[in-house]
Amino acid sequence: PLLFNWVVRLPSLKELSVLVSSRDRAEGELQGTGDYGACESEELEAELGLESLCLSGVSCDDWGVSWLWRSCKKLRKLQLKSCEGIGDGGSYASFGRCLKGLQEVELRTCRSIVDGVLVKLAENCELLSSLLLYDGGSRDSLLHFISNCRCDLRKLDLRLPLDLKNDHLFALSLHCRNMSSLWLQSCCLVTGNGLKTFGIAMNSGLQELALINCDVVEREPGLLATLGQHLGQLRKLDLSYNEMLPDKELIAMLASCSRLIDLRLRGCKGLTDPVILSIHRSCKLLESIDLMHCRGIGEKSVESLVLNSPRLKKLQVEESKLSDATKTWASHKFIEVVA
């Protein structure tokens, strides 16, 4: 079994990261579990100082983790990666005891436990402000969390190709109106209607928006323009890997997003030089831009961007698009160039 009572001897420990490999588990089984009960109960009333915990590869048979849940009353950040269980016998009773003070949760590739975890988060978390959910979600449990959470959720980061639908965006519009950041990756089941409803509900409060590899951006003309009109306070925008995104759609959105400081267009192969003119006309506050793998944007446009962006601090673009003049101006203006 996994034993964590040794953590008691490290009272100053604030962060702990544990990766459980199949080899570790096999060796533990060979050593036997005769002393497990004693080890677990020895520090039953322990109160650890841990504030950040990351567990990877936990299985449903790793019962020792339940002691950790009971002993972590000060957790602020929890990360679970590729976990098939939480060592709580399927009841989630011990798990619920560590959640009250959580502010940030990340669940990556944890499909088998995500239902129970989201239900417990909704029941117990009052301070949670950030949730990340990648590659393994549940439509019903995510909808339950959004509709019933007791916290003031500010940031939501989702990579759920087949689990995120308009219903979730509608629920966010009703129950999470103070959100400042929404990041969606490869969410192919949402439509323009869902995103527009969300944008209108945010009432210019949203500061960060990512629609990465979301084909709705290319599928529904006028969507970005509408979002821009309702999200005029955006500071960060990421539209990376929307390969067929046309110039006119992005230009229409940027016209309403004059406060942008960070723009990421990596892998947008359909964009061409006119976009750059729009960027330095509309985005006077821009500090960072990613143009990697935008094959329709040439050397001269990159040079123009550097010359005409007064606050630019970071530029990501291929070396082949950096003229001598661009390099010189970037150096004089203290712009970090990442090629």
C-alpha atoms as a PDB file:
ATOM      1  CA  PRO A   1       0.000   0.000   0.000  1.00  0.00           C
ATOM      2  CA  LEU A   2       0.956   3.653  -0.236  1.00  0.00           C
ATOM      3  CA  LEU A   3       2.040   4.959   3.167  1.00  0.00           C
ATOM      4  CA  PHE A   4       2.258   8.674   3.854  1.00  0.00           C
ATOM      5  CA  ASN A   5       2.626   8.910   7.640  1.00  0.00           C
ATOM      6  CA  TRP A   6       6.296   9.828   7.147  1.00  0.00           C
ATOM      7  CA  VAL A   7       5.089  13.250   6.014  1.00  0.00           C
ATOM      8  CA  VAL A   8       4.327  14.045   9.672  1.00  0.00           C
ATOM      9  CA  ARG A   9       8.077  14.234  10.269  1.00  0.00           C
ATOM     10  CA  LEU A  10       8.346  17.112   7.768  1.00  0.00           C
ATOM     11  CA  PRO A  11       6.278  19.872   9.397  1.00  0.00           C
ATOM     12  CA  SER A  12       7.618  22.567   7.050  1.00  0.00           C
ATOM     13  CA  LEU A  13       6.666  20.671   3.881  1.00  0.00           C
ATOM     14  CA  LYS A  14       4.210  22.733   1.832  1.00  0.00           C
ATOM     15  CA  GLU A  15       4.260  20.955  -1.539  1.00  0.00           C
ATOM     16  CA  LEU A  16       4.238  17.225  -2.287  1.00  0.00           C
ATOM     17  CA  SER A  17       4.240  15.421  -5.647  1.00  0.00           C
ATOM     18  CA  VAL A  18       3.946  11.630  -5.880  1.00  0.00           C
ATOM     19  CA  LEU A  19       4.103   9.450  -8.998  1.00  0.00           C
ATOM     20  CA  VAL A  20       2.970   5.856  -8.474  1.00  0.00           C
ATOM     21  CA  SER A  21       4.401   3.491 -11.078  1.00  0.00           C
ATOM     22  CA  SER A  22       3.256  -0.064 -11.766  1.00  0.00           C
ATOM     23  CA  ARG A  23       6.661  -1.287 -10.580  1.00  0.00           C
ATOM     24  CA  ASP A  24       6.268   0.503  -7.238  1.00  0.00           C
ATOM     25  CA  ARG A  25       2.869  -1.089  -6.793  1.00  0.00           C
ATOM     26  CA  ALA A  26       4.155  -4.580  -7.608  1.00  0.00           C
ATOM     27  CA  GLU A  27       7.011  -4.248  -5.097  1.00  0.00           C
ATOM     28  CA  GLY A  28       4.590  -3.089  -2.430  1.00  0.00           C
ATOM     29  CA  GLU A  29       2.408  -6.147  -2.965  1.00  0.00           C
ATOM     30  CA  LEU A  30       5.409  -8.450  -2.624  1.00  0.00           C
ATOM     31  CA  GLN A  31       6.381  -6.849   0.691  1.00  0.00           C
ATOM     32  CA  GLY A  32       2.931  -7.530   2.103  1.00  0.00           C
ATOM     33  CA  THR A  33       0.473  -5.361   4.017  1.00  0.00           C
ATOM     34  CA  GLY A  34       0.608  -6.786   7.523  1.00  0.00           C
ATOM     35  CA  ASP A  35       1.619  -3.532   9.183  1.00  0.00           C
ATOM     36  CA  TYR A  36      -0.608  -1.290   7.141  1.00  0.00           C
ATOM     37  CA  GLY A  37      -3.377  -0.886   9.687  1.00  0.00           C
ATOM     38  CA  ALA A  38      -0.957   0.085  12.425  1.00  0.00           C
ATOM     39  CA  CYS A  39       0.853   2.552  10.223  1.00  0.00           C
ATOM     40  CA  GLU A  40      -2.385   4.151   9.162  1.00  0.00           C
ATOM     41  CA  SER A  41      -3.869   4.531  12.616  1.00  0.00           C
ATOM     42  CA  GLU A  42      -0.616   5.640  14.265  1.00  0.00           C
ATOM     43  CA  GLU A  43      -1.041   9.214  13.044  1.00  0.00           C
ATOM     44  CA  LEU A  44      -4.819   9.172  12.685  1.00  0.00           C
ATOM     45  CA  GLU A  45      -5.259  12.701  14.034  1.00  0.00           C
ATOM     46  CA  ALA A  46      -2.325  14.231  12.126  1.00  0.00           C
ATOM     47  CA  GLU A  47      -2.746  17.685  10.660  1.00  0.00           C
ATOM     48  CA  LEU A  48      -0.268  18.234   7.852  1.00  0.00           C
ATOM     49  CA  GLY A  49       0.965  21.596   6.644  1.00  0.00           C
ATOM     50  CA  LEU A  50       0.677  20.646   2.967  1.00  0.00           C
ATOM     51  CA  GLU A  51      -0.785  23.372   0.772  1.00  0.00           C
ATOM     52  CA  SER A  52      -0.144  21.815  -2.659  1.00  0.00           C
ATOM     53  CA  LEU A  53      -0.546  18.126  -3.525  1.00  0.00           C
ATOM     54  CA  CYS A  54      -0.009  16.335  -6.847  1.00  0.00           C
ATOM     55  CA  LEU A  55      -0.786  12.619  -7.197  1.00  0.00           C
ATOM     56  CA  SER A  56      -0.180  10.663 -10.409  1.00  0.00           C
ATOM     57  CA  GLY A  57      -1.111   7.063 -11.148  1.00  0.00           C
ATOM     58  CA  VAL A  58      -3.134   6.314  -8.008  1.00  0.00           C
ATOM     59  CA  SER A  59      -5.293   3.187  -8.336  1.00  0.00           C
ATOM     60  CA  CYS A  60      -8.472   2.146  -6.585  1.00  0.00           C
ATOM     61  CA  ASP A  61      -6.438  -0.209  -4.360  1.00  0.00           C
ATOM     62  CA  ASP A  62      -4.099   2.435  -2.943  1.00  0.00           C
ATOM     63  CA  TRP A  63      -5.859   2.642   0.408  1.00  0.00           C
ATOM     64  CA  GLY A  64      -3.064   4.588   2.081  1.00  0.00           C
ATOM     65  CA  VAL A  65      -4.125   7.725   0.254  1.00  0.00           C
ATOM     66  CA  SER A  66      -7.240   7.965   2.424  1.00  0.00           C
ATOM     67  CA  TRP A  67      -5.026   8.806   5.432  1.00  0.00           C
ATOM     68  CA  LEU A  68      -3.567  11.650   3.389  1.00  0.00           C
ATOM     69  CA  TRP A  69      -7.028  13.040   2.623  1.00  0.00           C
ATOM     70  CA  ARG A  70      -7.950  12.985   6.313  1.00  0.00           C
ATOM     71  CA  SER A  71      -4.718  14.732   7.294  1.00  0.00           C
ATOM     72  CA  CYS A  72      -4.615  17.553   4.732  1.00  0.00           C
ATOM     73  CA  LYS A  73      -6.741  20.352   6.163  1.00  0.00           C
ATOM     74  CA  LYS A  74      -4.725  23.205   4.637  1.00  0.00           C
ATOM     75  CA  LEU A  75      -4.696  22.217   0.971  1.00  0.00           C
ATOM     76  CA  ARG A  76      -4.946  25.100  -1.477  1.00  0.00           C
ATOM     77  CA  LYS A  77      -4.048  23.277  -4.707  1.00  0.00           C
ATOM     78  CA  LEU A  78      -4.789  19.684  -5.761  1.00  0.00           C
ATOM     79  CA  GLN A  79      -3.618  17.948  -8.943  1.00  0.00           C
ATOM     80  CA  LEU A  80      -4.686  14.430  -9.939  1.00  0.00           C
ATOM     81  CA  LYS A  81      -3.140  12.888 -13.049  1.00  0.00           C
ATOM     82  CA  SER A  82      -3.959   9.517 -14.648  1.00  0.00           C
ATOM     83  CA  CYS A  83      -5.625   8.304 -11.464  1.00  0.00           C
ATOM     84  CA  GLU A  84      -8.032   5.350 -11.494  1.00  0.00           C
ATOM     85  CA  GLY A  85      -8.999   5.768  -7.853  1.00  0.00           C
ATOM     86  CA  ILE A  86      -8.478   7.956  -4.809  1.00  0.00           C
ATOM     87  CA  GLY A  87      -7.805   5.204  -2.268  1.00  0.00           C
ATOM     88  CA  ASP A  88     -11.094   5.781  -0.495  1.00  0.00           C
ATOM     89  CA  GLY A  89     -12.917   2.560  -1.277  1.00  0.00           C
ATOM     90  CA  GLY A  90     -15.249   4.332  -3.669  1.00  0.00           C
ATOM     91  CA  SER A  91     -17.006   6.247  -0.885  1.00  0.00           C
ATOM     92  CA  TYR A  92     -15.086   9.542  -1.249  1.00  0.00           C
ATOM     93  CA  ALA A  93     -15.794  10.144   2.463  1.00  0.00           C
ATOM     94  CA  SER A  94     -12.175  10.781   3.471  1.00  0.00           C
ATOM     95  CA  PHE A  95     -11.537  12.690   0.259  1.00  0.00           C
ATOM     96  CA  GLY A  96     -14.238  15.205   1.085  1.00  0.00           C
ATOM     97  CA  ARG A  97     -12.472  16.201   4.301  1.00  0.00           C
ATOM     98  CA  CYS A  98      -9.561  17.945   2.556  1.00  0.00           C
ATOM     99  CA  LEU A  99     -11.573  20.098   0.151  1.00  0.00           C
ATOM    100  CA  LYS A 100     -12.917  23.022   2.153  1.00  0.00           C
ATOM    101  CA  GLY A 101      -9.956  25.357   1.630  1.00  0.00           C
ATOM    102  CA  LEU A 102      -9.108  24.345  -1.940  1.00  0.00           C
ATOM    103  CA  GLN A 103      -8.611  27.199  -4.383  1.00  0.00           C
ATOM    104  CA  GLU A 104      -7.293  25.340  -7.438  1.00  0.00           C
ATOM    105  CA  VAL A 105      -7.994  21.826  -8.800  1.00  0.00           C
ATOM    106  CA  GLU A 106      -6.559  20.039 -11.844  1.00  0.00           C
ATOM    107  CA  LEU A 107      -7.870  16.697 -13.128  1.00  0.00           C
ATOM    108  CA  ARG A 108      -5.961  15.202 -16.050  1.00  0.00           C
ATOM    109  CA  THR A 109      -6.959  11.866 -17.606  1.00  0.00           C
ATOM    110  CA  CYS A 110      -8.980  10.758 -14.579  1.00  0.00           C
ATOM    111  CA  ARG A 111     -12.198   9.616 -16.261  1.00  0.00           C
ATOM    112  CA  SER A 112     -12.924   6.795 -13.806  1.00  0.00           C
ATOM    113  CA  ILE A 113     -13.013   9.118 -10.775  1.00  0.00           C
ATOM    114  CA  VAL A 114     -14.122  12.434 -12.233  1.00  0.00           C
ATOM    115  CA  ASP A 115     -17.812  11.892 -11.375  1.00  0.00           C
ATOM    116  CA  GLY A 116     -17.160  11.433  -7.673  1.00  0.00           C
ATOM    117  CA  VAL A 117     -14.555  14.173  -7.503  1.00  0.00           C
ATOM    118  CA  LEU A 118     -16.767  16.807  -9.148  1.00  0.00           C
ATOM    119  CA  VAL A 119     -19.715  15.946  -6.912  1.00  0.00           C
ATOM    120  CA  LYS A 120     -17.539  16.340  -3.816  1.00  0.00           C
ATOM    121  CA  LEU A 121     -16.090  19.602  -5.104  1.00  0.00           C
ATOM    122  CA  ALA A 122     -19.595  20.984  -5.552  1.00  0.00           C
ATOM    123  CA  GLU A 123     -20.562  19.916  -2.027  1.00  0.00           C
ATOM    124  CA  ASN A 124     -17.479  21.006  -0.105  1.00  0.00           C
ATOM    125  CA  CYS A 125     -15.540  23.741  -1.911  1.00  0.00           C
ATOM    126  CA  GLU A 126     -16.341  27.314  -0.928  1.00  0.00           C
ATOM    127  CA  LEU A 127     -13.083  28.961  -2.006  1.00  0.00           C
ATOM    128  CA  LEU A 128     -12.421  27.179  -5.313  1.00  0.00           C
ATOM    129  CA  SER A 129     -11.600  29.709  -8.021  1.00  0.00           C
ATOM    130  CA  SER A 130      -9.863  27.603 -10.703  1.00  0.00           C
ATOM    131  CA  LEU A 131     -10.739  24.225 -12.256  1.00  0.00           C
ATOM    132  CA  LEU A 132      -8.849  22.402 -15.009  1.00  0.00           C
ATOM    133  CA  LEU A 133     -10.335  19.261 -16.565  1.00  0.00           C
ATOM    134  CA  TYR A 134      -8.480  17.468 -19.376  1.00  0.00           C
ATOM    135  CA  ASP A 135      -9.092  14.269 -21.318  1.00  0.00           C
ATOM    136  CA  GLY A 136     -11.747  12.522 -19.345  1.00  0.00           C
ATOM    137  CA  GLY A 137     -14.879  14.188 -18.171  1.00  0.00           C
ATOM    138  CA  SER A 138     -18.510  13.443 -17.569  1.00  0.00           C
ATOM    139  CA  ARG A 139     -21.271  15.546 -19.070  1.00  0.00           C
ATOM    140  CA  ASP A 140     -23.664  15.039 -16.184  1.00  0.00           C
ATOM    141  CA  SER A 141     -21.191  15.511 -13.336  1.00  0.00           C
ATOM    142  CA  LEU A 142     -19.672  18.622 -14.919  1.00  0.00           C
ATOM    143  CA  LEU A 143     -23.142  20.094 -15.386  1.00  0.00           C
ATOM    144  CA  HIS A 144     -23.955  19.218 -11.763  1.00  0.00           C
ATOM    145  CA  PHE A 145     -20.786  20.934 -10.570  1.00  0.00           C
ATOM    146  CA  ILE A 146     -21.422  24.116 -12.562  1.00  0.00           C
ATOM    147  CA  SER A 147     -25.059  24.301 -11.451  1.00  0.00           C
ATOM    148  CA  ASN A 148     -24.511  23.472  -7.780  1.00  0.00           C
ATOM    149  CA  CYS A 149     -21.029  24.638  -6.813  1.00  0.00           C
ATOM    150  CA  ARG A 150     -20.879  26.882  -3.752  1.00  0.00           C
ATOM    151  CA  CYS A 151     -17.742  28.689  -4.867  1.00  0.00           C
ATOM    152  CA  ASP A 152     -17.114  31.807  -6.937  1.00  0.00           C
ATOM    153  CA  LEU A 153     -15.457  30.139  -9.933  1.00  0.00           C
ATOM    154  CA  ARG A 154     -13.178  32.512 -11.841  1.00  0.00           C
ATOM    155  CA  LYS A 155     -11.134  30.287 -14.170  1.00  0.00           C
ATOM    156  CA  LEU A 156     -12.221  27.204 -16.131  1.00  0.00           C
ATOM    157  CA  ASP A 157      -9.829  25.287 -18.406  1.00  0.00           C
ATOM    158  CA  LEU A 158     -11.357  22.369 -20.344  1.00  0.00           C
ATOM    159  CA  ARG A 159     -10.017  19.924 -22.925  1.00  0.00           C
ATOM    160  CA  LEU A 160     -13.029  17.698 -23.472  1.00  0.00           C
ATOM    161  CA  PRO A 161     -13.530  16.750 -27.145  1.00  0.00           C
ATOM    162  CA  LEU A 162     -16.717  14.747 -26.577  1.00  0.00           C
ATOM    163  CA  ASP A 163     -17.947  15.832 -23.151  1.00  0.00           C
ATOM    164  CA  LEU A 164     -18.561  19.578 -23.364  1.00  0.00           C
ATOM    165  CA  LYS A 165     -21.841  20.793 -24.866  1.00  0.00           C
ATOM    166  CA  ASN A 166     -23.918  23.956 -25.017  1.00  0.00           C
ATOM    167  CA  ASP A 167     -25.732  22.957 -21.822  1.00  0.00           C
ATOM    168  CA  HIS A 168     -22.514  23.532 -19.902  1.00  0.00           C
ATOM    169  CA  LEU A 169     -22.039  26.989 -21.411  1.00  0.00           C
ATOM    170  CA  PHE A 170     -25.658  27.880 -20.642  1.00  0.00           C
ATOM    171  CA  ALA A 171     -25.119  26.771 -17.023  1.00  0.00           C
ATOM    172  CA  LEU A 172     -21.954  28.876 -16.787  1.00  0.00           C
ATOM    173  CA  SER A 173     -23.952  31.846 -18.067  1.00  0.00           C
ATOM    174  CA  LEU A 174     -26.447  31.419 -15.230  1.00  0.00           C
ATOM    175  CA  HIS A 175     -24.290  30.367 -12.294  1.00  0.00           C
ATOM    176  CA  CYS A 176     -20.744  31.647 -12.902  1.00  0.00           C
ATOM    177  CA  ARG A 177     -21.088  35.251 -13.995  1.00  0.00           C
ATOM    178  CA  ASN A 178     -17.904  36.417 -12.282  1.00  0.00           C
ATOM    179  CA  MET A 179     -15.607  34.328 -14.444  1.00  0.00           C
ATOM    180  CA  SER A 180     -12.467  36.047 -15.691  1.00  0.00           C
ATOM    181  CA  SER A 181     -10.969  33.206 -17.747  1.00  0.00           C
ATOM    182  CA  LEU A 182     -12.354  30.474 -20.031  1.00  0.00           C
ATOM    183  CA  TRP A 183     -10.008  28.133 -21.895  1.00  0.00           C
ATOM    184  CA  LEU A 184     -11.475  25.538 -24.264  1.00  0.00           C
ATOM    185  CA  GLN A 185      -9.370  23.050 -26.232  1.00  0.00           C
ATOM    186  CA  SER A 186     -10.682  20.647 -28.884  1.00  0.00           C
ATOM    187  CA  CYS A 187     -14.264  21.086 -27.681  1.00  0.00           C
ATOM    188  CA  CYS A 188     -16.003  20.126 -30.908  1.00  0.00           C
ATOM    189  CA  LEU A 189     -19.599  19.770 -29.660  1.00  0.00           C
ATOM    190  CA  VAL A 190     -20.192  23.382 -28.625  1.00  0.00           C
ATOM    191  CA  THR A 191     -21.847  25.749 -31.095  1.00  0.00           C
ATOM    192  CA  GLY A 192     -21.878  29.460 -31.721  1.00  0.00           C
ATOM    193  CA  ASN A 193     -25.160  29.789 -29.847  1.00  0.00           C
ATOM    194  CA  GLY A 194     -23.598  28.451 -26.660  1.00  0.00           C
ATOM    195  CA  LEU A 195     -20.550  30.684 -26.909  1.00  0.00           C
ATOM    196  CA  LYS A 196     -22.602  33.782 -27.749  1.00  0.00           C
ATOM    197  CA  THR A 197     -24.901  33.188 -24.775  1.00  0.00           C
ATOM    198  CA  PHE A 198     -21.862  32.845 -22.539  1.00  0.00           C
ATOM    199  CA  GLY A 199     -20.231  35.978 -23.962  1.00  0.00           C
ATOM    200  CA  ILE A 200     -23.344  38.084 -23.435  1.00  0.00           C
ATOM    201  CA  ALA A 201     -23.719  36.837 -19.848  1.00  0.00           C
ATOM    202  CA  MET A 202     -20.145  37.768 -18.965  1.00  0.00           C
ATOM    203  CA  ASN A 203     -20.976  41.426 -19.679  1.00  0.00           C
ATOM    204  CA  SER A 204     -17.391  42.405 -20.549  1.00  0.00           C
ATOM    205  CA  GLY A 205     -16.030  40.840 -17.341  1.00  0.00           C
ATOM    206  CA  LEU A 206     -14.063  38.079 -19.067  1.00  0.00           C
ATOM    207  CA  GLN A 207     -10.362  38.873 -19.393  1.00  0.00           C
ATOM    208  CA  GLU A 208      -9.000  35.651 -20.898  1.00  0.00           C
ATOM    209  CA  LEU A 209     -10.512  33.523 -23.678  1.00  0.00           C
ATOM    210  CA  ALA A 210      -9.012  30.515 -25.432  1.00  0.00           C
ATOM    211  CA  LEU A 211     -10.712  28.605 -28.242  1.00  0.00           C
ATOM    212  CA  ILE A 212      -7.888  26.271 -29.235  1.00  0.00           C
ATOM    213  CA  ASN A 213      -8.583  23.836 -32.070  1.00  0.00           C
ATOM    214  CA  CYS A 214     -12.322  24.451 -31.694  1.00  0.00           C
ATOM    215  CA  ASP A 215     -13.865  24.043 -35.130  1.00  0.00           C
ATOM    216  CA  VAL A 216     -16.861  26.212 -34.231  1.00  0.00           C
ATOM    217  CA  VAL A 217     -14.519  29.170 -34.806  1.00  0.00           C
ATOM    218  CA  GLU A 218     -14.183  28.177 -38.468  1.00  0.00           C
ATOM    219  CA  ARG A 219     -17.657  26.675 -38.853  1.00  0.00           C
ATOM    220  CA  GLU A 220     -19.791  29.667 -37.879  1.00  0.00           C
ATOM    221  CA  PRO A 221     -19.091  32.984 -39.666  1.00  0.00           C
ATOM    222  CA  GLY A 222     -19.545  36.059 -37.508  1.00  0.00           C
ATOM    223  CA  LEU A 223     -19.018  34.238 -34.207  1.00  0.00           C
ATOM    224  CA  LEU A 224     -15.739  35.944 -33.340  1.00  0.00           C
ATOM    225  CA  ALA A 225     -17.119  39.379 -34.230  1.00  0.00           C
ATOM    226  CA  THR A 226     -20.076  38.846 -31.886  1.00  0.00           C
ATOM    227  CA  LEU A 227     -17.824  37.623 -29.083  1.00  0.00           C
ATOM    228  CA  GLY A 228     -15.570  40.629 -29.538  1.00  0.00           C
ATOM    229  CA  GLN A 229     -18.510  43.015 -29.184  1.00  0.00           C
ATOM    230  CA  HIS A 230     -19.469  41.510 -25.823  1.00  0.00           C
ATOM    231  CA  LEU A 231     -15.963  40.825 -24.501  1.00  0.00           C
ATOM    232  CA  GLY A 232     -14.347  44.197 -24.985  1.00  0.00           C
ATOM    233  CA  GLN A 233     -12.248  43.869 -21.811  1.00  0.00           C
ATOM    234  CA  LEU A 234     -10.310  40.824 -23.042  1.00  0.00           C
ATOM    235  CA  ARG A 235      -6.629  40.945 -22.151  1.00  0.00           C
ATOM    236  CA  LYS A 236      -5.594  37.525 -23.446  1.00  0.00           C
ATOM    237  CA  LEU A 237      -6.902  35.732 -26.551  1.00  0.00           C
ATOM    238  CA  ASP A 238      -5.738  32.322 -27.791  1.00  0.00           C
ATOM    239  CA  LEU A 239      -7.095  31.003 -31.107  1.00  0.00           C
ATOM    240  CA  SER A 240      -4.232  28.589 -31.794  1.00  0.00           C
ATOM    241  CA  TYR A 241      -4.576  25.655 -34.196  1.00  0.00           C
ATOM    242  CA  ASN A 242      -7.751  26.835 -35.888  1.00  0.00           C
ATOM    243  CA  GLU A 243      -6.077  26.084 -39.195  1.00  0.00           C
ATOM    244  CA  MET A 244      -8.751  27.471 -41.518  1.00  0.00           C
ATOM    245  CA  LEU A 245      -9.525  30.650 -39.566  1.00  0.00           C
ATOM    246  CA  PRO A 246      -9.886  33.398 -42.228  1.00  0.00           C
ATOM    247  CA  ASP A 247      -8.538  36.920 -41.958  1.00  0.00           C
ATOM    248  CA  LYS A 248     -11.916  38.653 -41.947  1.00  0.00           C
ATOM    249  CA  GLU A 249     -13.189  36.753 -38.900  1.00  0.00           C
ATOM    250  CA  LEU A 250     -10.172  37.624 -36.755  1.00  0.00           C
ATOM    251  CA  ILE A 251     -10.044  41.221 -37.999  1.00  0.00           C
ATOM    252  CA  ALA A 252     -13.718  41.700 -37.085  1.00  0.00           C
ATOM    253  CA  MET A 253     -13.063  40.497 -33.539  1.00  0.00           C
ATOM    254  CA  LEU A 254      -9.894  42.518 -33.001  1.00  0.00           C
ATOM    255  CA  ALA A 255     -11.745  45.712 -33.910  1.00  0.00           C
ATOM    256  CA  SER A 256     -13.584  45.412 -30.574  1.00  0.00           C
ATOM    257  CA  CYS A 257     -10.678  44.100 -28.480  1.00  0.00           C
ATOM    258  CA  SER A 258      -8.427  47.112 -28.062  1.00  0.00           C
ATOM    259  CA  ARG A 259      -7.235  46.071 -24.584  1.00  0.00           C
ATOM    260  CA  LEU A 260      -5.462  42.869 -25.641  1.00  0.00           C
ATOM    261  CA  ILE A 261      -1.962  42.394 -24.262  1.00  0.00           C
ATOM    262  CA  ASP A 262      -1.470  38.725 -25.236  1.00  0.00           C
ATOM    263  CA  LEU A 263      -2.510  37.226 -28.605  1.00  0.00           C
ATOM    264  CA  ARG A 264      -1.767  33.636 -29.623  1.00  0.00           C
ATOM    265  CA  LEU A 265      -2.357  32.509 -33.196  1.00  0.00           C
ATOM    266  CA  ARG A 266       0.000  29.531 -33.408  1.00  0.00           C
ATOM    267  CA  GLY A 267      -0.909  27.107 -36.178  1.00  0.00           C
ATOM    268  CA  CYS A 268      -3.547  29.354 -37.793  1.00  0.00           C
ATOM    269  CA  LYS A 269      -2.406  28.522 -41.311  1.00  0.00           C
ATOM    270  CA  GLY A 270      -5.219  30.396 -43.056  1.00  0.00           C
ATOM    271  CA  LEU A 271      -4.209  33.832 -41.792  1.00  0.00           C
ATOM    272  CA  THR A 272      -2.360  36.173 -44.145  1.00  0.00           C
ATOM    273  CA  ASP A 273      -0.544  39.518 -44.069  1.00  0.00           C
ATOM    274  CA  PRO A 274      -3.611  41.840 -43.749  1.00  0.00           C
ATOM    275  CA  VAL A 275      -4.155  40.479 -40.225  1.00  0.00           C
ATOM    276  CA  ILE A 276      -0.911  42.084 -39.082  1.00  0.00           C
ATOM    277  CA  LEU A 277      -2.082  45.522 -40.193  1.00  0.00           C
ATOM    278  CA  SER A 278      -5.256  45.011 -38.178  1.00  0.00           C
ATOM    279  CA  ILE A 279      -3.274  43.910 -35.125  1.00  0.00           C
ATOM    280  CA  HIS A 280      -1.090  46.984 -34.851  1.00  0.00           C
ATOM    281  CA  ARG A 281      -4.060  49.251 -35.621  1.00  0.00           C
ATOM    282  CA  SER A 282      -6.438  47.729 -33.072  1.00  0.00           C
ATOM    283  CA  CYS A 283      -4.121  46.324 -30.396  1.00  0.00           C
ATOM    284  CA  LYS A 284      -2.001  49.260 -29.233  1.00  0.00           C
ATOM    285  CA  LEU A 285      -1.417  47.629 -25.820  1.00  0.00           C
ATOM    286  CA  LEU A 286      -0.133  44.312 -27.204  1.00  0.00           C
ATOM    287  CA  GLU A 287       2.847  42.925 -25.271  1.00  0.00           C
ATOM    288  CA  SER A 288       3.103  39.329 -26.495  1.00  0.00           C
ATOM    289  CA  ILE A 289       2.157  37.568 -29.741  1.00  0.00           C
ATOM    290  CA  ASP A 290       2.632  34.015 -31.040  1.00  0.00           C
ATOM    291  CA  LEU A 291       2.730  33.669 -34.842  1.00  0.00           C
ATOM    292  CA  MET A 292       4.479  30.306 -35.072  1.00  0.00           C
ATOM    293  CA  HIS A 293       3.343  28.136 -38.000  1.00  0.00           C
ATOM    294  CA  CYS A 294       1.207  30.892 -39.544  1.00  0.00           C
ATOM    295  CA  ARG A 295       2.474  30.151 -43.013  1.00  0.00           C
ATOM    296  CA  GLY A 296       0.422  32.890 -44.708  1.00  0.00           C
ATOM    297  CA  ILE A 297       2.189  35.647 -42.756  1.00  0.00           C
ATOM    298  CA  GLY A 298       5.468  36.733 -44.314  1.00  0.00           C
ATOM    299  CA  GLU A 299       8.721  38.406 -43.363  1.00  0.00           C
ATOM    300  CA  LYS A 300       7.649  41.947 -44.244  1.00  0.00           C
ATOM    301  CA  SER A 301       4.537  41.723 -42.094  1.00  0.00           C
ATOM    302  CA  VAL A 302       6.549  40.529 -39.109  1.00  0.00           C
ATOM    303  CA  GLU A 303       8.894  43.473 -39.597  1.00  0.00           C
ATOM    304  CA  SER A 304       5.922  45.841 -39.747  1.00  0.00           C
ATOM    305  CA  LEU A 305       4.520  44.390 -36.528  1.00  0.00           C
ATOM    306  CA  VAL A 306       7.773  44.975 -34.654  1.00  0.00           C
ATOM    307  CA  LEU A 307       8.040  48.539 -35.947  1.00  0.00           C
ATOM    308  CA  ASN A 308       4.440  49.503 -35.175  1.00  0.00           C
ATOM    309  CA  SER A 309       3.757  47.806 -31.824  1.00  0.00           C
ATOM    310  CA  PRO A 310       4.918  50.291 -29.164  1.00  0.00           C
ATOM    311  CA  ARG A 311       4.511  47.952 -26.158  1.00  0.00           C
ATOM    312  CA  LEU A 312       5.573  44.645 -27.680  1.00  0.00           C
ATOM    313  CA  LYS A 313       7.850  42.641 -25.369  1.00  0.00           C
ATOM    314  CA  LYS A 314       7.713  39.106 -26.774  1.00  0.00           C
ATOM    315  CA  LEU A 315       7.395  37.718 -30.311  1.00  0.00           C
ATOM    316  CA  GLN A 316       7.247  34.037 -31.249  1.00  0.00           C
ATOM    317  CA  VAL A 317       7.848  33.369 -34.941  1.00  0.00           C
ATOM    318  CA  GLU A 318      10.033  31.235 -37.213  1.00  0.00           C
ATOM    319  CA  GLU A 319      13.656  32.278 -37.715  1.00  0.00           C
ATOM    320  CA  SER A 320      13.074  32.340 -41.482  1.00  0.00           C
ATOM    321  CA  LYS A 321      10.666  35.278 -41.055  1.00  0.00           C
ATOM    322  CA  LEU A 322      13.126  37.441 -39.144  1.00  0.00           C
ATOM    323  CA  SER A 323      14.838  39.923 -41.433  1.00  0.00           C
ATOM    324  CA  ASP A 324      17.995  41.725 -40.361  1.00  0.00           C
ATOM    325  CA  ALA A 325      15.939  44.866 -39.880  1.00  0.00           C
ATOM    326  CA  THR A 326      13.464  43.002 -37.662  1.00  0.00           C
ATOM    327  CA  LYS A 327      16.260  41.649 -35.494  1.00  0.00           C
ATOM    328  CA  THR A 328      17.817  45.083 -35.180  1.00  0.00           C
ATOM    329  CA  TRP A 329      14.570  46.789 -34.217  1.00  0.00           C
ATOM    330  CA  ALA A 330      13.692  43.991 -31.793  1.00  0.00           C
ATOM    331  CA  SER A 331      17.056  44.426 -30.110  1.00  0.00           C
ATOM    332  CA  HIS A 332      16.698  48.205 -29.870  1.00  0.00           C
ATOM    333  CA  LYS A 333      13.180  47.891 -28.428  1.00  0.00           C
ATOM    334  CA  PHE A 334      14.171  45.093 -26.021  1.00  0.00           C
ATOM    335  CA  ILE A 335      11.707  42.647 -27.579  1.00  0.00           C
ATOM    336  CA  GLU A 336      12.285  38.988 -26.719  1.00  0.00           C
ATOM    337  CA  VAL A 337      12.196  36.946 -29.924  1.00  0.00           C
ATOM    338  CA  VAL A 338      11.515  33.214 -29.617  1.00  0.00           C
ATOM    339  CA  ALA A 339      12.118  31.349 -32.867  1.00  0.00           C
END
